[in-house]
Amino acid sequence: MKRLASALLLLALTAPLVTACGAAATRANVSAPVDDATITTRVKTAFINDPVVGAAKIDVDTFKGVVTLSGQVKNKDEEQKAVSLARSIRGVTDVKSSLQVQ
């Protein structure tokens, strides 16, 4: 019985420390800068999942948060949607379009 009481007391005392450490780590990850490879992946994923832009042949390059889009789109609306999607991604500081309308 004493062992059980000791274990429960130890658990009760350390639980707030574990929770606090977990919360601090989560907050640090949310505010951390996003690297260029991650931004590129997120932009490409957004394009694939979008019904307007999904079939377009768009190349995505990212350097220091600036996304450059190149390739071909069907019309101006598709180009504007691609630029808008890219801008919506966390970590993107600017979007440059070199897209060609077919």
PDB file of N, CA and C in Angstrom:
ATOM      1  N   MET A   1       0.818  -1.181   0.000  1.00  0.00           N
ATOM      2  CA  MET A   1       0.000   0.000   0.000  1.00  0.00           C
ATOM      3  C   MET A   1       0.874   1.262   0.000  1.00  0.00           C
ATOM      4  N   LYS A   2       1.986   1.218   0.751  1.00  0.00           N
ATOM      5  CA  LYS A   2       2.880   2.362   0.801  1.00  0.00           C
ATOM      6  C   LYS A   2       3.507   2.604  -0.567  1.00  0.00           C
ATOM      7  N   ARG A   3       3.812   1.536  -1.288  1.00  0.00           N
ATOM      8  CA  ARG A   3       4.399   1.684  -2.626  1.00  0.00           C
ATOM      9  C   ARG A   3       3.413   2.365  -3.568  1.00  0.00           C
ATOM     10  N   LEU A   4       2.153   1.963  -3.473  1.00  0.00           N
ATOM     11  CA  LEU A   4       1.130   2.554  -4.322  1.00  0.00           C
ATOM     12  C   LEU A   4       0.966   4.033  -4.004  1.00  0.00           C
ATOM     13  N   ALA A   5       0.947   4.377  -2.749  1.00  0.00           N
ATOM     14  CA  ALA A   5       0.814   5.775  -2.340  1.00  0.00           C
ATOM     15  C   ALA A   5       2.021   6.589  -2.802  1.00  0.00           C
ATOM     16  N   SER A   6       3.207   6.010  -2.691  1.00  0.00           N
ATOM     17  CA  SER A   6       4.417   6.704  -3.133  1.00  0.00           C
ATOM     18  C   SER A   6       4.404   6.914  -4.640  1.00  0.00           C
ATOM     19  N   ALA A   7       3.971   5.911  -5.371  1.00  0.00           N
ATOM     20  CA  ALA A   7       3.915   6.017  -6.828  1.00  0.00           C
ATOM     21  C   ALA A   7       2.906   7.078  -7.250  1.00  0.00           C
ATOM     22  N   LEU A   8       1.757   7.111  -6.606  1.00  0.00           N
ATOM     23  CA  LEU A   8       0.740   8.115  -6.930  1.00  0.00           C
ATOM     24  C   LEU A   8       1.219   9.522  -6.584  1.00  0.00           C
ATOM     25  N   LEU A   9       1.893   9.652  -5.459  1.00  0.00           N
ATOM     26  CA  LEU A   9       2.431  10.950  -5.070  1.00  0.00           C
ATOM     27  C   LEU A   9       3.478  11.422  -6.073  1.00  0.00           C
ATOM     28  N   LEU A  10       4.358  10.538  -6.490  1.00  0.00           N
ATOM     29  CA  LEU A  10       5.388  10.874  -7.477  1.00  0.00           C
ATOM     30  C   LEU A  10       4.747  11.277  -8.802  1.00  0.00           C
ATOM     31  N   LEU A  11       3.749  10.547  -9.226  1.00  0.00           N
ATOM     32  CA  LEU A  11       3.040  10.855 -10.465  1.00  0.00           C
ATOM     33  C   LEU A  11       2.365  12.223 -10.380  1.00  0.00           C
ATOM     34  N   ALA A  12       1.732  12.498  -9.259  1.00  0.00           N
ATOM     35  CA  ALA A  12       1.043  13.779  -9.072  1.00  0.00           C
ATOM     36  C   ALA A  12       2.021  14.953  -9.089  1.00  0.00           C
ATOM     37  N   LEU A  13       3.211  14.747  -8.564  1.00  0.00           N
ATOM     38  CA  LEU A  13       4.194  15.820  -8.510  1.00  0.00           C
ATOM     39  C   LEU A  13       4.873  16.053  -9.862  1.00  0.00           C
ATOM     40  N   THR A  14       5.070  15.013 -10.672  1.00  0.00           N
ATOM     41  CA  THR A  14       5.786  15.172 -11.934  1.00  0.00           C
ATOM     42  C   THR A  14       4.868  15.467 -13.114  1.00  0.00           C
ATOM     43  N   ALA A  15       3.584  15.211 -13.033  1.00  0.00           N
ATOM     44  CA  ALA A  15       2.662  15.440 -14.150  1.00  0.00           C
ATOM     45  C   ALA A  15       2.670  16.891 -14.630  1.00  0.00           C
ATOM     46  N   PRO A  16       2.636  17.893 -13.721  1.00  0.00           N
ATOM     47  CA  PRO A  16       2.676  19.280 -14.220  1.00  0.00           C
ATOM     48  C   PRO A  16       3.969  19.611 -14.950  1.00  0.00           C
ATOM     49  N   LEU A  17       5.088  19.010 -14.544  1.00  0.00           N
ATOM     50  CA  LEU A  17       6.353  19.265 -15.216  1.00  0.00           C
ATOM     51  C   LEU A  17       6.356  18.692 -16.619  1.00  0.00           C
ATOM     52  N   VAL A  18       5.824  17.506 -16.783  1.00  0.00           N
ATOM     53  CA  VAL A  18       5.763  16.871 -18.101  1.00  0.00           C
ATOM     54  C   VAL A  18       4.856  17.684 -19.020  1.00  0.00           C
ATOM     55  N   THR A  19       3.713  18.111 -18.514  1.00  0.00           N
ATOM     56  CA  THR A  19       2.781  18.909 -19.307  1.00  0.00           C
ATOM     57  C   THR A  19       3.400  20.243 -19.701  1.00  0.00           C
ATOM     58  N   ALA A  20       4.083  20.890 -18.786  1.00  0.00           N
ATOM     59  CA  ALA A  20       4.700  22.184 -19.085  1.00  0.00           C
ATOM     60  C   ALA A  20       5.785  22.045 -20.137  1.00  0.00           C
ATOM     61  N   CYS A  21       6.580  20.991 -20.049  1.00  0.00           N
ATOM     62  CA  CYS A  21       7.638  20.788 -21.042  1.00  0.00           C
ATOM     63  C   CYS A  21       7.044  20.517 -22.414  1.00  0.00           C
ATOM     64  N   GLY A  22       5.990  19.738 -22.469  1.00  0.00           N
ATOM     65  CA  GLY A  22       5.334  19.445 -23.741  1.00  0.00           C
ATOM     66  C   GLY A  22       4.752  20.693 -24.366  1.00  0.00           C
ATOM     67  N   ALA A  23       4.147  21.559 -23.570  1.00  0.00           N
ATOM     68  CA  ALA A  23       3.560  22.792 -24.096  1.00  0.00           C
ATOM     69  C   ALA A  23       4.638  23.733 -24.607  1.00  0.00           C
ATOM     70  N   ALA A  24       5.748  23.806 -23.904  1.00  0.00           N
ATOM     71  CA  ALA A  24       6.833  24.683 -24.345  1.00  0.00           C
ATOM     72  C   ALA A  24       7.411  24.211 -25.665  1.00  0.00           C
ATOM     73  N   ALA A  25       7.568  22.924 -25.822  1.00  0.00           N
ATOM     74  CA  ALA A  25       8.112  22.388 -27.064  1.00  0.00           C
ATOM     75  C   ALA A  25       7.160  22.654 -28.220  1.00  0.00           C
ATOM     76  N   THR A  26       5.873  22.510 -27.979  1.00  0.00           N
ATOM     77  CA  THR A  26       4.884  22.755 -29.034  1.00  0.00           C
ATOM     78  C   THR A  26       4.907  24.217 -29.455  1.00  0.00           C
ATOM     79  N   ARG A  27       4.939  25.132 -28.501  1.00  0.00           N
ATOM     80  CA  ARG A  27       4.971  26.553 -28.828  1.00  0.00           C
ATOM     81  C   ARG A  27       6.220  26.901 -29.633  1.00  0.00           C
ATOM     82  N   ALA A  28       7.346  26.312 -29.290  1.00  0.00           N
ATOM     83  CA  ALA A  28       8.586  26.596 -30.013  1.00  0.00           C
ATOM     84  C   ALA A  28       8.481  26.130 -31.458  1.00  0.00           C
ATOM     85  N   ASN A  29       7.864  24.992 -31.702  1.00  0.00           N
ATOM     86  CA  ASN A  29       7.732  24.469 -33.056  1.00  0.00           C
ATOM     87  C   ASN A  29       6.803  25.324 -33.902  1.00  0.00           C
ATOM     88  N   VAL A  30       5.761  25.867 -33.312  1.00  0.00           N
ATOM     89  CA  VAL A  30       4.804  26.675 -34.060  1.00  0.00           C
ATOM     90  C   VAL A  30       5.440  27.984 -34.516  1.00  0.00           C
ATOM     91  N   SER A  31       6.265  28.576 -33.692  1.00  0.00           N
ATOM     92  CA  SER A  31       6.836  29.869 -34.029  1.00  0.00           C
ATOM     93  C   SER A  31       8.157  29.750 -34.801  1.00  0.00           C
ATOM     94  N   ALA A  32       8.657  28.550 -34.962  1.00  0.00           N
ATOM     95  CA  ALA A  32       9.923  28.364 -35.671  1.00  0.00           C
ATOM     96  C   ALA A  32       9.758  28.698 -37.152  1.00  0.00           C
ATOM     97  N   PRO A  33      10.787  29.254 -37.772  1.00  0.00           N
ATOM     98  CA  PRO A  33      10.698  29.558 -39.197  1.00  0.00           C
ATOM     99  C   PRO A  33      10.557  28.288 -40.019  1.00  0.00           C
ATOM    100  N   VAL A  34       9.878  28.418 -41.149  1.00  0.00           N
ATOM    101  CA  VAL A  34       9.656  27.273 -42.029  1.00  0.00           C
ATOM    102  C   VAL A  34      10.756  27.277 -43.089  1.00  0.00           C
ATOM    103  N   ASP A  35      11.385  26.122 -43.320  1.00  0.00           N
ATOM    104  CA  ASP A  35      12.471  26.071 -44.295  1.00  0.00           C
ATOM    105  C   ASP A  35      11.907  26.009 -45.718  1.00  0.00           C
ATOM    106  N   ASP A  36      12.738  26.335 -46.687  1.00  0.00           N
ATOM    107  CA  ASP A  36      12.317  26.436 -48.082  1.00  0.00           C
ATOM    108  C   ASP A  36      11.771  25.121 -48.639  1.00  0.00           C
ATOM    109  N   ALA A  37      12.382  24.008 -48.283  1.00  0.00           N
ATOM    110  CA  ALA A  37      11.910  22.712 -48.786  1.00  0.00           C
ATOM    111  C   ALA A  37      10.499  22.415 -48.290  1.00  0.00           C
ATOM    112  N   THR A  38      10.227  22.761 -47.042  1.00  0.00           N
ATOM    113  CA  THR A  38       8.895  22.551 -46.481  1.00  0.00           C
ATOM    114  C   THR A  38       7.876  23.434 -47.187  1.00  0.00           C
ATOM    115  N   ILE A  39       8.238  24.680 -47.437  1.00  0.00           N
ATOM    116  CA  ILE A  39       7.338  25.591 -48.145  1.00  0.00           C
ATOM    117  C   ILE A  39       7.022  25.041 -49.534  1.00  0.00           C
ATOM    118  N   THR A  40       8.046  24.614 -50.261  1.00  0.00           N
ATOM    119  CA  THR A  40       7.844  24.067 -51.602  1.00  0.00           C
ATOM    120  C   THR A  40       6.896  22.872 -51.561  1.00  0.00           C
ATOM    121  N   THR A  41       7.103  21.981 -50.617  1.00  0.00           N
ATOM    122  CA  THR A  41       6.243  20.803 -50.479  1.00  0.00           C
ATOM    123  C   THR A  41       4.807  21.197 -50.180  1.00  0.00           C
ATOM    124  N   ARG A  42       4.616  22.167 -49.295  1.00  0.00           N
ATOM    125  CA  ARG A  42       3.265  22.600 -48.941  1.00  0.00           C
ATOM    126  C   ARG A  42       2.565  23.279 -50.117  1.00  0.00           C
ATOM    127  N   VAL A  43       3.295  24.060 -50.888  1.00  0.00           N
ATOM    128  CA  VAL A  43       2.697  24.709 -52.064  1.00  0.00           C
ATOM    129  C   VAL A  43       2.283  23.649 -53.085  1.00  0.00           C
ATOM    130  N   LYS A  44       3.167  22.703 -53.369  1.00  0.00           N
ATOM    131  CA  LYS A  44       2.846  21.644 -54.324  1.00  0.00           C
ATOM    132  C   LYS A  44       1.646  20.827 -53.866  1.00  0.00           C
ATOM    133  N   THR A  45       1.575  20.537 -52.577  1.00  0.00           N
ATOM    134  CA  THR A  45       0.439  19.794 -52.022  1.00  0.00           C
ATOM    135  C   THR A  45      -0.852  20.582 -52.183  1.00  0.00           C
ATOM    136  N   ALA A  46      -0.793  21.888 -51.927  1.00  0.00           N
ATOM    137  CA  ALA A  46      -1.981  22.736 -52.102  1.00  0.00           C
ATOM    138  C   ALA A  46      -2.439  22.721 -53.557  1.00  0.00           C
ATOM    139  N   PHE A  47      -1.495  22.738 -54.484  1.00  0.00           N
ATOM    140  CA  PHE A  47      -1.837  22.693 -55.906  1.00  0.00           C
ATOM    141  C   PHE A  47      -2.510  21.374 -56.264  1.00  0.00           C
ATOM    142  N   ILE A  48      -1.947  20.283 -55.803  1.00  0.00           N
ATOM    143  CA  ILE A  48      -2.502  18.960 -56.111  1.00  0.00           C
ATOM    144  C   ILE A  48      -3.923  18.828 -55.583  1.00  0.00           C
ATOM    145  N   ASN A  49      -4.176  19.371 -54.412  1.00  0.00           N
ATOM    146  CA  ASN A  49      -5.489  19.244 -53.778  1.00  0.00           C
ATOM    147  C   ASN A  49      -6.523  20.246 -54.279  1.00  0.00           C
ATOM    148  N   ASP A  50      -6.118  21.173 -55.111  1.00  0.00           N
ATOM    149  CA  ASP A  50      -7.049  22.180 -55.608  1.00  0.00           C
ATOM    150  C   ASP A  50      -7.639  21.741 -56.951  1.00  0.00           C
ATOM    151  N   PRO A  51      -8.975  21.806 -57.107  1.00  0.00           N
ATOM    152  CA  PRO A  51      -9.586  21.362 -58.356  1.00  0.00           C
ATOM    153  C   PRO A  51      -9.266  22.256 -59.555  1.00  0.00           C
ATOM    154  N   VAL A  52      -8.941  23.511 -59.332  1.00  0.00           N
ATOM    155  CA  VAL A  52      -8.624  24.428 -60.431  1.00  0.00           C
ATOM    156  C   VAL A  52      -7.185  24.249 -60.895  1.00  0.00           C
ATOM    157  N   VAL A  53      -6.269  24.152 -59.972  1.00  0.00           N
ATOM    158  CA  VAL A  53      -4.840  24.141 -60.285  1.00  0.00           C
ATOM    159  C   VAL A  53      -4.280  22.717 -60.369  1.00  0.00           C
ATOM    160  N   GLY A  54      -4.984  21.745 -59.862  1.00  0.00           N
ATOM    161  CA  GLY A  54      -4.479  20.380 -59.726  1.00  0.00           C
ATOM    162  C   GLY A  54      -3.876  19.759 -60.969  1.00  0.00           C
ATOM    163  N   ALA A  55      -4.427  20.038 -62.143  1.00  0.00           N
ATOM    164  CA  ALA A  55      -3.940  19.410 -63.371  1.00  0.00           C
ATOM    165  C   ALA A  55      -2.860  20.235 -64.070  1.00  0.00           C
ATOM    166  N   ALA A  56      -2.599  21.428 -63.598  1.00  0.00           N
ATOM    167  CA  ALA A  56      -1.619  22.306 -64.247  1.00  0.00           C
ATOM    168  C   ALA A  56      -0.201  21.792 -64.025  1.00  0.00           C
ATOM    169  N   LYS A  57       0.666  22.107 -64.979  1.00  0.00           N
ATOM    170  CA  LYS A  57       2.082  21.727 -64.870  1.00  0.00           C
ATOM    171  C   LYS A  57       2.863  22.927 -64.354  1.00  0.00           C
ATOM    172  N   ILE A  58       2.936  23.025 -63.023  1.00  0.00           N
ATOM    173  CA  ILE A  58       3.572  24.175 -62.382  1.00  0.00           C
ATOM    174  C   ILE A  58       4.774  23.707 -61.577  1.00  0.00           C
ATOM    175  N   ASP A  59       5.916  24.318 -61.843  1.00  0.00           N
ATOM    176  CA  ASP A  59       7.117  24.072 -61.056  1.00  0.00           C
ATOM    177  C   ASP A  59       7.173  25.098 -59.931  1.00  0.00           C
ATOM    178  N   VAL A  60       7.617  24.658 -58.771  1.00  0.00           N
ATOM    179  CA  VAL A  60       7.684  25.520 -57.595  1.00  0.00           C
ATOM    180  C   VAL A  60       9.116  25.524 -57.077  1.00  0.00           C
ATOM    181  N   ASP A  61       9.696  26.713 -56.955  1.00  0.00           N
ATOM    182  CA  ASP A  61      11.020  26.880 -56.359  1.00  0.00           C
ATOM    183  C   ASP A  61      10.896  27.892 -55.230  1.00  0.00           C
ATOM    184  N   THR A  62      11.599  27.643 -54.132  1.00  0.00           N
ATOM    185  CA  THR A  62      11.542  28.554 -52.986  1.00  0.00           C
ATOM    186  C   THR A  62      12.957  28.895 -52.549  1.00  0.00           C
ATOM    187  N   PHE A  63      13.191  30.195 -52.330  1.00  0.00           N
ATOM    188  CA  PHE A  63      14.469  30.661 -51.816  1.00  0.00           C
ATOM    189  C   PHE A  63      14.209  31.755 -50.802  1.00  0.00           C
ATOM    190  N   LYS A  64      14.593  31.487 -49.558  1.00  0.00           N
ATOM    191  CA  LYS A  64      14.394  32.424 -48.444  1.00  0.00           C
ATOM    192  C   LYS A  64      12.940  32.881 -48.336  1.00  0.00           C
ATOM    193  N   GLY A  65      12.019  31.945 -48.519  1.00  0.00           N
ATOM    194  CA  GLY A  65      10.593  32.237 -48.366  1.00  0.00           C
ATOM    195  C   GLY A  65       9.921  32.799 -49.595  1.00  0.00           C
ATOM    196  N   VAL A  66      10.696  33.133 -50.619  1.00  0.00           N
ATOM    197  CA  VAL A  66      10.122  33.676 -51.863  1.00  0.00           C
ATOM    198  C   VAL A  66       9.861  32.509 -52.807  1.00  0.00           C
ATOM    199  N   VAL A  67       8.596  32.332 -53.183  1.00  0.00           N
ATOM    200  CA  VAL A  67       8.194  31.237 -54.056  1.00  0.00           C
ATOM    201  C   VAL A  67       8.138  31.740 -55.493  1.00  0.00           C
ATOM    202  N   THR A  68       8.784  31.003 -56.404  1.00  0.00           N
ATOM    203  CA  THR A  68       8.728  31.315 -57.827  1.00  0.00           C
ATOM    204  C   THR A  68       7.983  30.188 -58.527  1.00  0.00           C
ATOM    205  N   LEU A  69       6.942  30.575 -59.256  1.00  0.00           N
ATOM    206  CA  LEU A  69       6.124  29.615 -59.992  1.00  0.00           C
ATOM    207  C   LEU A  69       6.462  29.715 -61.462  1.00  0.00           C
ATOM    208  N   SER A  70       6.690  28.571 -62.106  1.00  0.00           N
ATOM    209  CA  SER A  70       6.948  28.553 -63.541  1.00  0.00           C
ATOM    210  C   SER A  70       6.228  27.352 -64.139  1.00  0.00           C
ATOM    211  N   GLY A  71       6.021  27.406 -65.446  1.00  0.00           N
ATOM    212  CA  GLY A  71       5.318  26.327 -66.118  1.00  0.00           C
ATOM    213  C   GLY A  71       4.162  26.877 -66.928  1.00  0.00           C
ATOM    214  N   GLN A  72       3.183  26.008 -67.184  1.00  0.00           N
ATOM    215  CA  GLN A  72       2.064  26.402 -68.034  1.00  0.00           C
ATOM    216  C   GLN A  72       0.731  26.223 -67.317  1.00  0.00           C
ATOM    217  N   VAL A  73      -0.149  27.180 -67.568  1.00  0.00           N
ATOM    218  CA  VAL A  73      -1.520  27.116 -67.066  1.00  0.00           C
ATOM    219  C   VAL A  73      -2.470  27.343 -68.241  1.00  0.00           C
ATOM    220  N   LYS A  74      -3.728  26.965 -68.065  1.00  0.00           N
ATOM    221  CA  LYS A  74      -4.706  27.070 -69.146  1.00  0.00           C
ATOM    222  C   LYS A  74      -5.192  28.496 -69.384  1.00  0.00           C
ATOM    223  N   ASN A  75      -5.330  29.251 -68.288  1.00  0.00           N
ATOM    224  CA  ASN A  75      -5.868  30.604 -68.413  1.00  0.00           C
ATOM    225  C   ASN A  75      -5.405  31.480 -67.253  1.00  0.00           C
ATOM    226  N   LYS A  76      -5.779  32.748 -67.315  1.00  0.00           N
ATOM    227  CA  LYS A  76      -5.363  33.725 -66.303  1.00  0.00           C
ATOM    228  C   LYS A  76      -5.947  33.387 -64.924  1.00  0.00           C
ATOM    229  N   ASP A  77      -7.174  32.854 -64.904  1.00  0.00           N
ATOM    230  CA  ASP A  77      -7.794  32.478 -63.623  1.00  0.00           C
ATOM    231  C   ASP A  77      -6.988  31.391 -62.914  1.00  0.00           C
ATOM    232  N   GLU A  78      -6.494  30.431 -63.684  1.00  0.00           N
ATOM    233  CA  GLU A  78      -5.686  29.364 -63.113  1.00  0.00           C
ATOM    234  C   GLU A  78      -4.380  29.928 -62.544  1.00  0.00           C
ATOM    235  N   GLU A  79      -3.805  30.897 -63.246  1.00  0.00           N
ATOM    236  CA  GLU A  79      -2.577  31.541 -62.759  1.00  0.00           C
ATOM    237  C   GLU A  79      -2.853  32.286 -61.449  1.00  0.00           C
ATOM    238  N   GLN A  80      -3.933  33.047 -61.408  1.00  0.00           N
ATOM    239  CA  GLN A  80      -4.266  33.804 -60.195  1.00  0.00           C
ATOM    240  C   GLN A  80      -4.547  32.884 -59.018  1.00  0.00           C
ATOM    241  N   LYS A  81      -5.208  31.752 -59.275  1.00  0.00           N
ATOM    242  CA  LYS A  81      -5.498  30.793 -58.211  1.00  0.00           C
ATOM    243  C   LYS A  81      -4.200  30.185 -57.678  1.00  0.00           C
ATOM    244  N   ALA A  82      -3.257  29.866 -58.576  1.00  0.00           N
ATOM    245  CA  ALA A  82      -1.972  29.298 -58.154  1.00  0.00           C
ATOM    246  C   ALA A  82      -1.211  30.291 -57.277  1.00  0.00           C
ATOM    247  N   VAL A  83      -1.178  31.544 -57.686  1.00  0.00           N
ATOM    248  CA  VAL A  83      -0.485  32.577 -56.906  1.00  0.00           C
ATOM    249  C   VAL A  83      -1.154  32.738 -55.547  1.00  0.00           C
ATOM    250  N   SER A  84      -2.478  32.751 -55.535  1.00  0.00           N
ATOM    251  CA  SER A  84      -3.224  32.903 -54.288  1.00  0.00           C
ATOM    252  C   SER A  84      -2.963  31.734 -53.334  1.00  0.00           C
ATOM    253  N   LEU A  85      -2.975  30.522 -53.865  1.00  0.00           N
ATOM    254  CA  LEU A  85      -2.692  29.351 -53.032  1.00  0.00           C
ATOM    255  C   LEU A  85      -1.284  29.421 -52.450  1.00  0.00           C
ATOM    256  N   ALA A  86      -0.313  29.788 -53.276  1.00  0.00           N
ATOM    257  CA  ALA A  86       1.069  29.874 -52.802  1.00  0.00           C
ATOM    258  C   ALA A  86       1.195  30.914 -51.691  1.00  0.00           C
ATOM    259  N   ARG A  87       0.542  32.045 -51.854  1.00  0.00           N
ATOM    260  CA  ARG A  87       0.605  33.103 -50.826  1.00  0.00           C
ATOM    261  C   ARG A  87      -0.011  32.669 -49.504  1.00  0.00           C
ATOM    262  N   SER A  88      -0.942  31.735 -49.557  1.00  0.00           N
ATOM    263  CA  SER A  88      -1.649  31.311 -48.341  1.00  0.00           C
ATOM    264  C   SER A  88      -0.830  30.356 -47.465  1.00  0.00           C
ATOM    265  N   ILE A  89       0.295  29.904 -47.964  1.00  0.00           N
ATOM    266  CA  ILE A  89       1.112  28.936 -47.230  1.00  0.00           C
ATOM    267  C   ILE A  89       1.972  29.652 -46.195  1.00  0.00           C
ATOM    268  N   ARG A  90       1.974  29.111 -44.969  1.00  0.00           N
ATOM    269  CA  ARG A  90       2.758  29.699 -43.879  1.00  0.00           C
ATOM    270  C   ARG A  90       4.236  29.677 -44.236  1.00  0.00           C
ATOM    271  N   GLY A  91       4.899  30.797 -44.046  1.00  0.00           N
ATOM    272  CA  GLY A  91       6.325  30.909 -44.317  1.00  0.00           C
ATOM    273  C   GLY A  91       6.637  31.598 -45.638  1.00  0.00           C
ATOM    274  N   VAL A  92       5.636  31.718 -46.519  1.00  0.00           N
ATOM    275  CA  VAL A  92       5.843  32.381 -47.809  1.00  0.00           C
ATOM    276  C   VAL A  92       5.879  33.887 -47.586  1.00  0.00           C
ATOM    277  N   THR A  93       6.954  34.531 -48.052  1.00  0.00           N
ATOM    278  CA  THR A  93       7.079  35.982 -47.887  1.00  0.00           C
ATOM    279  C   THR A  93       6.691  36.731 -49.161  1.00  0.00           C
ATOM    280  N   ASP A  94       6.824  36.063 -50.324  1.00  0.00           N
ATOM    281  CA  ASP A  94       6.458  36.681 -51.598  1.00  0.00           C
ATOM    282  C   ASP A  94       6.271  35.578 -52.638  1.00  0.00           C
ATOM    283  N   VAL A  95       5.499  35.881 -53.685  1.00  0.00           N
ATOM    284  CA  VAL A  95       5.302  34.929 -54.780  1.00  0.00           C
ATOM    285  C   VAL A  95       5.598  35.641 -56.084  1.00  0.00           C
ATOM    286  N   LYS A  96       6.461  35.017 -56.897  1.00  0.00           N
ATOM    287  CA  LYS A  96       6.778  35.544 -58.220  1.00  0.00           C
ATOM    288  C   LYS A  96       6.269  34.547 -59.246  1.00  0.00           C
ATOM    289  N   SER A  97       5.506  35.050 -60.203  1.00  0.00           N
ATOM    290  CA  SER A  97       4.936  34.174 -61.217  1.00  0.00           C
ATOM    291  C   SER A  97       5.626  34.347 -62.557  1.00  0.00           C
ATOM    292  N   SER A  98       6.128  33.240 -63.080  1.00  0.00           N
ATOM    293  CA  SER A  98       6.662  33.186 -64.440  1.00  0.00           C
ATOM    294  C   SER A  98       5.805  32.228 -65.271  1.00  0.00           C
ATOM    295  N   LEU A  99       4.551  32.076 -64.853  1.00  0.00           N
ATOM    296  CA  LEU A  99       3.657  31.131 -65.509  1.00  0.00           C
ATOM    297  C   LEU A  99       3.251  31.624 -66.890  1.00  0.00           C
ATOM    298  N   GLN A 100       3.177  30.695 -67.826  1.00  0.00           N
ATOM    299  CA  GLN A 100       2.783  31.002 -69.202  1.00  0.00           C
ATOM    300  C   GLN A 100       1.362  30.497 -69.424  1.00  0.00           C
ATOM    301  N   VAL A 101       0.496  31.378 -69.944  1.00  0.00           N
ATOM    302  CA  VAL A 101      -0.870  30.978 -70.277  1.00  0.00           C
ATOM    303  C   VAL A 101      -0.848  30.341 -71.660  1.00  0.00           C
ATOM    304  N   GLN A 102      -1.372  29.118 -71.772  1.00  0.00           N
ATOM    305  CA  GLN A 102      -1.357  28.391 -73.060  1.00  0.00           C
ATOM    306  C   GLN A 102      -2.337  29.000 -74.039  1.00  0.00           C
TER     307      GLN A 102
END
